[in-house]
C-alpha atoms as a PDB file:
ATOM      1  CA  MET A   1      71.288 117.705 115.715  1.00  0.00           C
ATOM      2  CA  SER A   2      73.718 114.793 114.846  1.00  0.00           C
ATOM      3  CA  GLY A   3      72.072 111.817 116.565  1.00  0.00           C
ATOM      4  CA  ARG A   4      70.167 108.794 115.695  1.00  0.00           C
ATOM      5  CA  VAL A   5      66.713 108.359 113.641  1.00  0.00           C
ATOM      6  CA  LEU A   6      64.378 105.690 114.072  1.00  0.00           C
ATOM      7  CA  VAL A   7      62.181 104.850 111.076  1.00  0.00           C
ATOM      8  CA  GLY A   8      59.099 102.718 111.257  1.00  0.00           C
ATOM      9  CA  VAL A   9      58.776 100.643 108.253  1.00  0.00           C
ATOM     10  CA  LYS A  10      55.412  98.262 108.045  1.00  0.00           C
ATOM     11  CA  ARG A  11      54.948  95.193 105.908  1.00  0.00           C
ATOM     12  CA  VAL A  12      51.581  95.474 104.227  1.00  0.00           C
ATOM     13  CA  ILE A  13      49.598  93.851 101.251  1.00  0.00           C
ATOM     14  CA  ASP A  14      50.969  95.254  98.144  1.00  0.00           C
ATOM     15  CA  TYR A  15      49.044  98.410  96.694  1.00  0.00           C
ATOM     16  CA  ALA A  16      48.484  96.603  93.489  1.00  0.00           C
ATOM     17  CA  VAL A  17      46.925  93.427  94.856  1.00  0.00           C
ATOM     18  CA  LYS A  18      43.200  93.036  95.013  1.00  0.00           C
ATOM     19  CA  ILE A  19      42.140  92.666  98.568  1.00  0.00           C
ATOM     20  CA  ARG A  20      39.959  89.599  99.197  1.00  0.00           C
ATOM     21  CA  VAL A  21      37.918  89.094 102.546  1.00  0.00           C
ATOM     22  CA  LYS A  22      38.032  85.692 104.226  1.00  0.00           C
ATOM     23  CA  PRO A  23      35.040  83.447 103.931  1.00  0.00           C
ATOM     24  CA  ASP A  24      34.263  83.853 107.759  1.00  0.00           C
ATOM     25  CA  ASN A  25      34.399  87.721 107.581  1.00  0.00           C
ATOM     26  CA  SER A  26      37.147  87.782 110.169  1.00  0.00           C
ATOM     27  CA  GLY A  27      39.675  89.769 108.227  1.00  0.00           C
ATOM     28  CA  VAL A  28      41.238  89.695 104.752  1.00  0.00           C
ATOM     29  CA  VAL A  29      43.318  86.917 103.049  1.00  0.00           C
ATOM     30  CA  THR A  30      47.043  87.310 103.560  1.00  0.00           C
ATOM     31  CA  ASP A  31      48.377  83.811 102.882  1.00  0.00           C
ATOM     32  CA  GLY A  32      50.005  83.617  99.442  1.00  0.00           C
ATOM     33  CA  VAL A  33      49.530  87.232  98.934  1.00  0.00           C
ATOM     34  CA  LYS A  34      52.395  89.656  97.769  1.00  0.00           C
ATOM     35  CA  HIS A  35      53.512  92.025 100.404  1.00  0.00           C
ATOM     36  CA  SER A  36      55.784  95.115 100.359  1.00  0.00           C
ATOM     37  CA  MET A  37      56.819  98.109 102.341  1.00  0.00           C
ATOM     38  CA  ASN A  38      54.048 100.646 103.143  1.00  0.00           C
ATOM     39  CA  PRO A  39      54.560 103.484 100.578  1.00  0.00           C
ATOM     40  CA  PHE A  40      54.494 106.134 103.174  1.00  0.00           C
ATOM     41  CA  CYS A  41      57.024 104.282 105.101  1.00  0.00           C
ATOM     42  CA  GLU A  42      59.317 104.438 102.046  1.00  0.00           C
ATOM     43  CA  ILE A  43      58.859 108.129 102.114  1.00  0.00           C
ATOM     44  CA  ALA A  44      60.149 108.113 105.889  1.00  0.00           C
ATOM     45  CA  VAL A  45      62.931 106.067 105.151  1.00  0.00           C
ATOM     46  CA  GLU A  46      64.004 108.254 102.143  1.00  0.00           C
ATOM     47  CA  GLU A  47      63.726 111.430 104.251  1.00  0.00           C
ATOM     48  CA  ALA A  48      65.746 109.803 106.902  1.00  0.00           C
ATOM     49  CA  VAL A  49      68.535 108.812 104.475  1.00  0.00           C
ATOM     50  CA  LYS A  50      68.728 112.307 102.809  1.00  0.00           C
ATOM     51  CA  LEU A  51      69.192 113.851 106.236  1.00  0.00           C
ATOM     52  CA  LYS A  52      72.057 111.464 106.689  1.00  0.00           C
ATOM     53  CA  GLU A  53      73.546 112.207 103.417  1.00  0.00           C
ATOM     54  CA  LYS A  54      73.548 115.792 104.507  1.00  0.00           C
ATOM     55  CA  LYS A  55      75.499 114.937 107.494  1.00  0.00           C
ATOM     56  CA  LEU A  56      72.704 116.051 109.715  1.00  0.00           C
ATOM     57  CA  ILE A  57      72.334 112.927 111.540  1.00  0.00           C
ATOM     58  CA  LYS A  58      74.748 110.031 112.129  1.00  0.00           C
ATOM     59  CA  GLU A  59      72.513 106.796 112.026  1.00  0.00           C
ATOM     60  CA  VAL A  60      69.422 105.511 110.414  1.00  0.00           C
ATOM     61  CA  VAL A  61      67.834 102.679 112.307  1.00  0.00           C
ATOM     62  CA  ALA A  62      64.707 100.817 110.610  1.00  0.00           C
ATOM     63  CA  VAL A  63      62.195  99.217 112.813  1.00  0.00           C
ATOM     64  CA  SER A  64      59.418  96.908 111.985  1.00  0.00           C
ATOM     65  CA  CYS A  65      56.961  94.878 113.971  1.00  0.00           C
ATOM     66  CA  GLY A  66      55.596  91.442 112.834  1.00  0.00           C
ATOM     67  CA  PRO A  67      56.633  87.849 112.001  1.00  0.00           C
ATOM     68  CA  GLN A  68      59.722  86.580 110.393  1.00  0.00           C
ATOM     69  CA  GLN A  69      58.657  87.979 107.047  1.00  0.00           C
ATOM     70  CA  ALA A  70      58.897  91.634 108.266  1.00  0.00           C
ATOM     71  CA  GLN A  71      62.748  91.220 108.000  1.00  0.00           C
ATOM     72  CA  GLU A  72      62.313  91.329 104.309  1.00  0.00           C
ATOM     73  CA  THR A  73      60.755  94.924 104.840  1.00  0.00           C
ATOM     74  CA  ILE A  74      63.760  95.855 106.980  1.00  0.00           C
ATOM     75  CA  ARG A  75      66.171  94.673 104.291  1.00  0.00           C
ATOM     76  CA  THR A  76      64.449  96.786 101.800  1.00  0.00           C
ATOM     77  CA  ALA A  77      65.051  99.853 104.170  1.00  0.00           C
ATOM     78  CA  LEU A  78      68.676  98.764 104.586  1.00  0.00           C
ATOM     79  CA  ALA A  79      69.010  98.593 100.811  1.00  0.00           C
ATOM     80  CA  MET A  80      67.626 102.087 100.617  1.00  0.00           C
ATOM     81  CA  GLY A  81      70.475 103.338 102.874  1.00  0.00           C
ATOM     82  CA  ALA A  82      69.522 102.643 106.447  1.00  0.00           C
ATOM     83  CA  ASP A  83      72.434 101.433 108.476  1.00  0.00           C
ATOM     84  CA  ARG A  84      70.826  98.773 110.678  1.00  0.00           C
ATOM     85  CA  GLY A  85      67.566  97.262 111.580  1.00  0.00           C
ATOM     86  CA  ILE A  86      65.518  96.194 114.580  1.00  0.00           C
ATOM     87  CA  HIS A  87      62.846  93.507 114.290  1.00  0.00           C
ATOM     88  CA  VAL A  88      60.312  93.482 116.986  1.00  0.00           C
ATOM     89  CA  GLN A  89      58.993  89.783 116.938  1.00  0.00           C
ATOM     90  CA  VAL A  90      55.183  89.820 117.002  1.00  0.00           C
ATOM     91  CA  THR A  91      53.372  86.518 115.949  1.00  0.00           C
ATOM     92  CA  GLY A  92      50.136  84.672 116.009  1.00  0.00           C
ATOM     93  CA  LYS A  93      47.089  86.315 117.772  1.00  0.00           C
ATOM     94  CA  ASP A  94      49.299  89.150 118.955  1.00  0.00           C
ATOM     95  CA  TYR A  95      50.128  90.114 115.272  1.00  0.00           C
ATOM     96  CA  GLU A  96      46.410  89.902 114.172  1.00  0.00           C
ATOM     97  CA  THR A  97      45.309  92.442 116.784  1.00  0.00           C
ATOM     98  CA  LEU A  98      48.379  94.588 116.565  1.00  0.00           C
ATOM     99  CA  GLY A  99      47.256  98.184 116.270  1.00  0.00           C
ATOM    100  CA  PRO A 100      48.678 101.840 116.506  1.00  0.00           C
ATOM    101  CA  LEU A 101      48.736 101.914 120.238  1.00  0.00           C
ATOM    102  CA  GLN A 102      50.780  98.734 120.643  1.00  0.00           C
ATOM    103  CA  VAL A 103      53.171  99.882 117.989  1.00  0.00           C
ATOM    104  CA  SER A 104      53.500 103.181 119.563  1.00  0.00           C
ATOM    105  CA  LYS A 105      54.484 101.823 122.914  1.00  0.00           C
ATOM    106  CA  ILE A 106      57.041  99.679 121.107  1.00  0.00           C
ATOM    107  CA  LEU A 107      58.589 102.669 119.204  1.00  0.00           C
ATOM    108  CA  ALA A 108      58.572 104.833 122.409  1.00  0.00           C
ATOM    109  CA  ALA A 109      60.453 102.109 124.192  1.00  0.00           C
ATOM    110  CA  LEU A 110      63.088 101.620 121.542  1.00  0.00           C
ATOM    111  CA  ALA A 111      63.524 105.427 121.232  1.00  0.00           C
ATOM    112  CA  LYS A 112      64.428 105.520 124.923  1.00  0.00           C
ATOM    113  CA  LYS A 113      66.493 102.674 124.620  1.00  0.00           C
ATOM    114  CA  GLU A 114      68.531 103.578 121.400  1.00  0.00           C
ATOM    115  CA  ASP A 115      68.655 107.328 122.659  1.00  0.00           C
ATOM    116  CA  ALA A 116      67.145 108.356 119.494  1.00  0.00           C
ATOM    117  CA  GLN A 117      66.533 112.184 118.600  1.00  0.00           C
ATOM    118  CA  LEU A 118      64.235 111.674 115.893  1.00  0.00           C
ATOM    119  CA  ILE A 119      61.387 109.281 114.655  1.00  0.00           C
ATOM    120  CA  ILE A 120      60.061 109.425 111.298  1.00  0.00           C
ATOM    121  CA  LEU A 121      56.973 107.565 110.231  1.00  0.00           C
ATOM    122  CA  GLY A 122      54.728 107.344 107.366  1.00  0.00           C
ATOM    123  CA  LYS A 123      51.530 109.334 108.085  1.00  0.00           C
ATOM    124  CA  GLN A 124      49.463 106.086 107.594  1.00  0.00           C
ATOM    125  CA  ALA A 125      49.483 102.738 106.439  1.00  0.00           C
ATOM    126  CA  ILE A 126      47.484 101.597 103.296  1.00  0.00           C
ATOM    127  CA  ASP A 127      46.009  98.553 105.105  1.00  0.00           C
ATOM    128  CA  ASP A 128      44.189 100.088 107.939  1.00  0.00           C
ATOM    129  CA  ASP A 129      44.539 103.680 107.135  1.00  0.00           C
ATOM    130  CA  CYS A 130      44.797 104.497 110.794  1.00  0.00           C
ATOM    131  CA  ASN A 131      46.915 107.573 110.982  1.00  0.00           C
ATOM    132  CA  GLN A 132      47.451 107.166 114.692  1.00  0.00           C
ATOM    133  CA  THR A 133      50.911 105.838 115.331  1.00  0.00           C
ATOM    134  CA  GLY A 134      52.901 109.002 114.908  1.00  0.00           C
ATOM    135  CA  GLN A 135      50.736 111.138 117.104  1.00  0.00           C
ATOM    136  CA  MET A 136      50.365 108.316 119.802  1.00  0.00           C
ATOM    137  CA  THR A 137      54.209 107.880 119.841  1.00  0.00           C
ATOM    138  CA  ALA A 138      54.835 111.602 120.347  1.00  0.00           C
ATOM    139  CA  ALA A 139      52.175 111.629 123.137  1.00  0.00           C
ATOM    140  CA  LEU A 140      53.655 108.785 124.985  1.00  0.00           C
ATOM    141  CA  LEU A 141      57.063 110.262 124.789  1.00  0.00           C
ATOM    142  CA  ASP A 142      55.922 113.876 125.451  1.00  0.00           C
ATOM    143  CA  TRP A 143      57.814 114.914 122.292  1.00  0.00           C
ATOM    144  CA  PRO A 144      56.840 117.628 119.887  1.00  0.00           C
ATOM    145  CA  GLN A 145      55.202 116.316 116.431  1.00  0.00           C
ATOM    146  CA  GLY A 146      55.236 117.474 112.987  1.00  0.00           C
ATOM    147  CA  THR A 147      52.351 115.438 111.167  1.00  0.00           C
ATOM    148  CA  PHE A 148      51.544 115.409 107.558  1.00  0.00           C
ATOM    149  CA  ALA A 149      55.106 116.673 106.660  1.00  0.00           C
ATOM    150  CA  SER A 150      55.662 117.667 102.913  1.00  0.00           C
ATOM    151  CA  GLU A 151      58.960 119.393 103.835  1.00  0.00           C
ATOM    152  CA  VAL A 152      61.677 119.089 106.727  1.00  0.00           C
ATOM    153  CA  SER A 153      64.532 120.972 107.352  1.00  0.00           C
ATOM    154  CA  MET A 154      66.984 121.355 110.364  1.00  0.00           C
ATOM    155  CA  GLU A 155      67.755 124.637 111.990  1.00  0.00           C
ATOM    156  CA  GLY A 156      70.110 123.727 114.799  1.00  0.00           C
ATOM    157  CA  ASP A 157      68.298 121.797 117.377  1.00  0.00           C
ATOM    158  CA  LYS A 158      65.047 122.656 115.729  1.00  0.00           C
ATOM    159  CA  LEU A 159      63.007 121.079 113.016  1.00  0.00           C
ATOM    160  CA  LYS A 160      61.101 123.301 110.439  1.00  0.00           C
ATOM    161  CA  VAL A 161      58.250 121.294 109.254  1.00  0.00           C
ATOM    162  CA  VAL A 162      55.783 122.383 106.342  1.00  0.00           C
ATOM    163  CA  ARG A 163      52.474 120.534 106.902  1.00  0.00           C
ATOM    164  CA  GLU A 164      49.784 119.759 104.678  1.00  0.00           C
ATOM    165  CA  ILE A 165      46.458 120.931 106.121  1.00  0.00           C
ATOM    166  CA  ASP A 166      42.795 121.318 104.815  1.00  0.00           C
ATOM    167  CA  GLY A 167      43.303 124.811 103.969  1.00  0.00           C
ATOM    168  CA  GLY A 168      46.762 124.453 102.351  1.00  0.00           C
ATOM    169  CA  LEU A 169      50.172 124.630 104.057  1.00  0.00           C
ATOM    170  CA  GLU A 170      51.262 125.297 107.505  1.00  0.00           C
ATOM    171  CA  MET A 171      55.000 125.857 108.652  1.00  0.00           C
ATOM    172  CA  ILE A 172      55.898 124.935 112.257  1.00  0.00           C
ATOM    173  CA  LYS A 173      59.256 125.106 114.080  1.00  0.00           C
ATOM    174  CA  ILE A 174      59.619 122.234 116.711  1.00  0.00           C
ATOM    175  CA  ASN A 175      62.258 121.332 119.175  1.00  0.00           C
ATOM    176  CA  THR A 176      64.121 117.957 119.212  1.00  0.00           C
ATOM    177  CA  PRO A 177      63.731 115.259 119.952  1.00  0.00           C
ATOM    178  CA  ALA A 178      60.630 114.956 117.993  1.00  0.00           C
ATOM    179  CA  VAL A 179      58.299 112.765 115.883  1.00  0.00           C
ATOM    180  CA  VAL A 180      57.580 113.413 112.234  1.00  0.00           C
ATOM    181  CA  SER A 181      55.090 111.620 109.936  1.00  0.00           C
ATOM    182  CA  ALA A 182      55.700 111.763 106.282  1.00  0.00           C
ATOM    183  CA  ASP A 183      53.111 112.923 103.702  1.00  0.00           C
ATOM    184  CA  LEU A 184      52.905 111.911  99.993  1.00  0.00           C
ATOM    185  CA  ARG A 185      54.703 114.962  98.702  1.00  0.00           C
ATOM    186  CA  LEU A 186      57.633 114.961 101.201  1.00  0.00           C
ATOM    187  CA  ASN A 187      59.928 113.287  98.689  1.00  0.00           C
ATOM    188  CA  THR A 188      60.216 110.563  95.943  1.00  0.00           C
ATOM    189  CA  PRO A 189      61.731 107.340  97.450  1.00  0.00           C
ATOM    190  CA  ARG A 190      64.675 106.054  95.577  1.00  0.00           C
ATOM    191  CA  TYR A 191      64.953 102.629  93.980  1.00  0.00           C
ATOM    192  CA  ALA A 192      67.384 100.017  95.574  1.00  0.00           C
ATOM    193  CA  THR A 193      70.041  99.344  93.507  1.00  0.00           C
ATOM    194  CA  LEU A 194      71.536  95.782  93.025  1.00  0.00           C
ATOM    195  CA  PRO A 195      74.767  96.695  94.746  1.00  0.00           C
ATOM    196  CA  ASN A 196      73.027  98.154  97.760  1.00  0.00           C
ATOM    197  CA  ILE A 197      70.572  95.166  97.854  1.00  0.00           C
ATOM    198  CA  MET A 198      73.667  92.945  98.253  1.00  0.00           C
ATOM    199  CA  LYS A 199      75.291  95.266 100.879  1.00  0.00           C
ATOM    200  CA  ALA A 200      72.019  95.072 102.918  1.00  0.00           C
ATOM    201  CA  LYS A 201      72.373  91.475 103.444  1.00  0.00           C
ATOM    202  CA  LYS A 202      75.551  92.057 105.404  1.00  0.00           C
ATOM    203  CA  LYS A 203      73.782  94.708 107.643  1.00  0.00           C
ATOM    204  CA  LYS A 204      72.848  93.818 111.161  1.00  0.00           C
ATOM    205  CA  ILE A 205      69.101  93.032 112.175  1.00  0.00           C
ATOM    206  CA  ALA A 206      68.638  92.950 115.899  1.00  0.00           C
ATOM    207  CA  ASN A 207      65.777  90.666 117.036  1.00  0.00           C
ATOM    208  CA  VAL A 208      63.655  92.007 119.918  1.00  0.00           C
ATOM    209  CA  ASN A 209      60.711  90.748 121.807  1.00  0.00           C
ATOM    210  CA  PRO A 210      57.766  93.213 123.120  1.00  0.00           C
ATOM    211  CA  ALA A 211      58.390  91.803 126.577  1.00  0.00           C
ATOM    212  CA  ASP A 212      62.153  92.748 126.573  1.00  0.00           C
ATOM    213  CA  LEU A 213      60.768  96.365 126.107  1.00  0.00           C
ATOM    214  CA  GLY A 214      58.331  96.107 128.822  1.00  0.00           C
ATOM    215  CA  VAL A 215      55.359  96.427 126.290  1.00  0.00           C
ATOM    216  CA  ASP A 216      52.028  94.727 126.637  1.00  0.00           C
ATOM    217  CA  LEU A 217      50.311  93.959 123.546  1.00  0.00           C
ATOM    218  CA  THR A 218      46.853  93.494 124.733  1.00  0.00           C
ATOM    219  CA  SER A 219      44.518  95.105 122.155  1.00  0.00           C
ATOM    220  CA  ARG A 220      41.573  97.345 123.333  1.00  0.00           C
ATOM    221  CA  VAL A 221      40.053  96.958 119.964  1.00  0.00           C
ATOM    222  CA  GLU A 222      37.869  93.938 118.839  1.00  0.00           C
ATOM    223  CA  ILE A 223      37.177  93.444 115.058  1.00  0.00           C
ATOM    224  CA  LEU A 224      33.327  92.227 114.826  1.00  0.00           C
ATOM    225  CA  ARG A 225      33.224  91.725 111.038  1.00  0.00           C
ATOM    226  CA  VAL A 226      34.944  92.494 107.872  1.00  0.00           C
ATOM    227  CA  ASP A 227      32.981  92.817 104.604  1.00  0.00           C
ATOM    228  CA  GLU A 228      33.668  93.530 101.015  1.00  0.00           C
ATOM    229  CA  PRO A 229      32.373  97.084  99.799  1.00  0.00           C
ATOM    230  CA  PRO A 230      29.097  96.995  98.165  1.00  0.00           C
ATOM    231  CA  GLN A 231      29.076  96.497  94.435  1.00  0.00           C
ATOM    232  CA  ARG A 232      28.568  99.646  92.310  1.00  0.00           C
ATOM    233  CA  GLN A 233      25.251  99.398  90.366  1.00  0.00           C
ATOM    234  CA  ALA A 234      25.416 100.121  86.558  1.00  0.00           C
ATOM    235  CA  GLY A 235      24.800 103.356  85.174  1.00  0.00           C
ATOM    236  CA  VAL A 236      22.077 104.616  82.973  1.00  0.00           C
ATOM    237  CA  LYS A 237      22.419 106.821  79.858  1.00  0.00           C
ATOM    238  CA  VAL A 238      19.768 109.549  79.316  1.00  0.00           C
ATOM    239  CA  GLU A 239      19.180 111.561  76.075  1.00  0.00           C
ATOM    240  CA  THR A 240      18.036 114.874  77.624  1.00  0.00           C
ATOM    241  CA  VAL A 241      18.169 116.979  80.632  1.00  0.00           C
ATOM    242  CA  ASP A 242      14.464 116.287  81.031  1.00  0.00           C
ATOM    243  CA  ASP A 243      15.101 112.728  81.263  1.00  0.00           C
ATOM    244  CA  LEU A 244      17.926 113.113  83.719  1.00  0.00           C
ATOM    245  CA  VAL A 245      15.597 115.260  86.076  1.00  0.00           C
ATOM    246  CA  GLY A 246      13.024 112.462  85.734  1.00  0.00           C
ATOM    247  CA  LYS A 247      15.308 109.765  86.767  1.00  0.00           C
ATOM    248  CA  LEU A 248      16.468 111.719  89.598  1.00  0.00           C
ATOM    249  CA  LYS A 249      13.040 112.235  90.804  1.00  0.00           C
ATOM    250  CA  ASP A 250      12.013 108.744  90.200  1.00  0.00           C
ATOM    251  CA  THR A 251      15.021 107.569  92.510  1.00  0.00           C
ATOM    252  CA  GLY A 252      14.287 110.207  95.137  1.00  0.00           C
ATOM    253  CA  ARG A 253      17.503 112.214  94.625  1.00  0.00           C
ATOM    254  CA  ILE A 254      15.549 115.487  94.132  1.00  0.00           C
END
């Protein structure tokens, strides 16, 4: 396979930031909070770039949906080695309700428009943990899928994917075009070097609206309320096993 690869890159609140819920419980605070590329998306970009370095594909296109700040995430992907970017502009209420189904529709439309042979996504995003976009995109395109990939290799027009499953590892072979979702152990993403960061500023990012792709962003999910997780209660030290058993009985644990 020597075609084009689309890689989804999502802008999320940085993993090191402590999440705060809005006072009205409508969501989490995002204003003035550090954002970065979703870690699983970084793995997806790295795998696509590695395939290009092996001359197995010709072009890596990074795609992100969101407001103007999403271009920063695309620039990071370009600095890592992607060739060009596509920014699907989604703002306001549409961005607040943007979910896996809407993103899948966008990716499916772009795959057809760009004549992509492969879509590589992170298996999930660390903000909503949905783990749905890859599967939905494959379903909409009627393409084979290799989810939770810890190893990917090309054998002609087929992909060999080693998947992480509950019972260990599963190896499958799928035809292309296909959708692959990257798991944690697929690779270690490279750091963007200063020269590549400078080169990324000159690479092209196309701006697209969902309407141009014929995608309706109407959400079928309504968020009723967002709450902080309950505070963990302080532990109690006991001197003996009998004391431990007594405490467990008192609290109704045994």
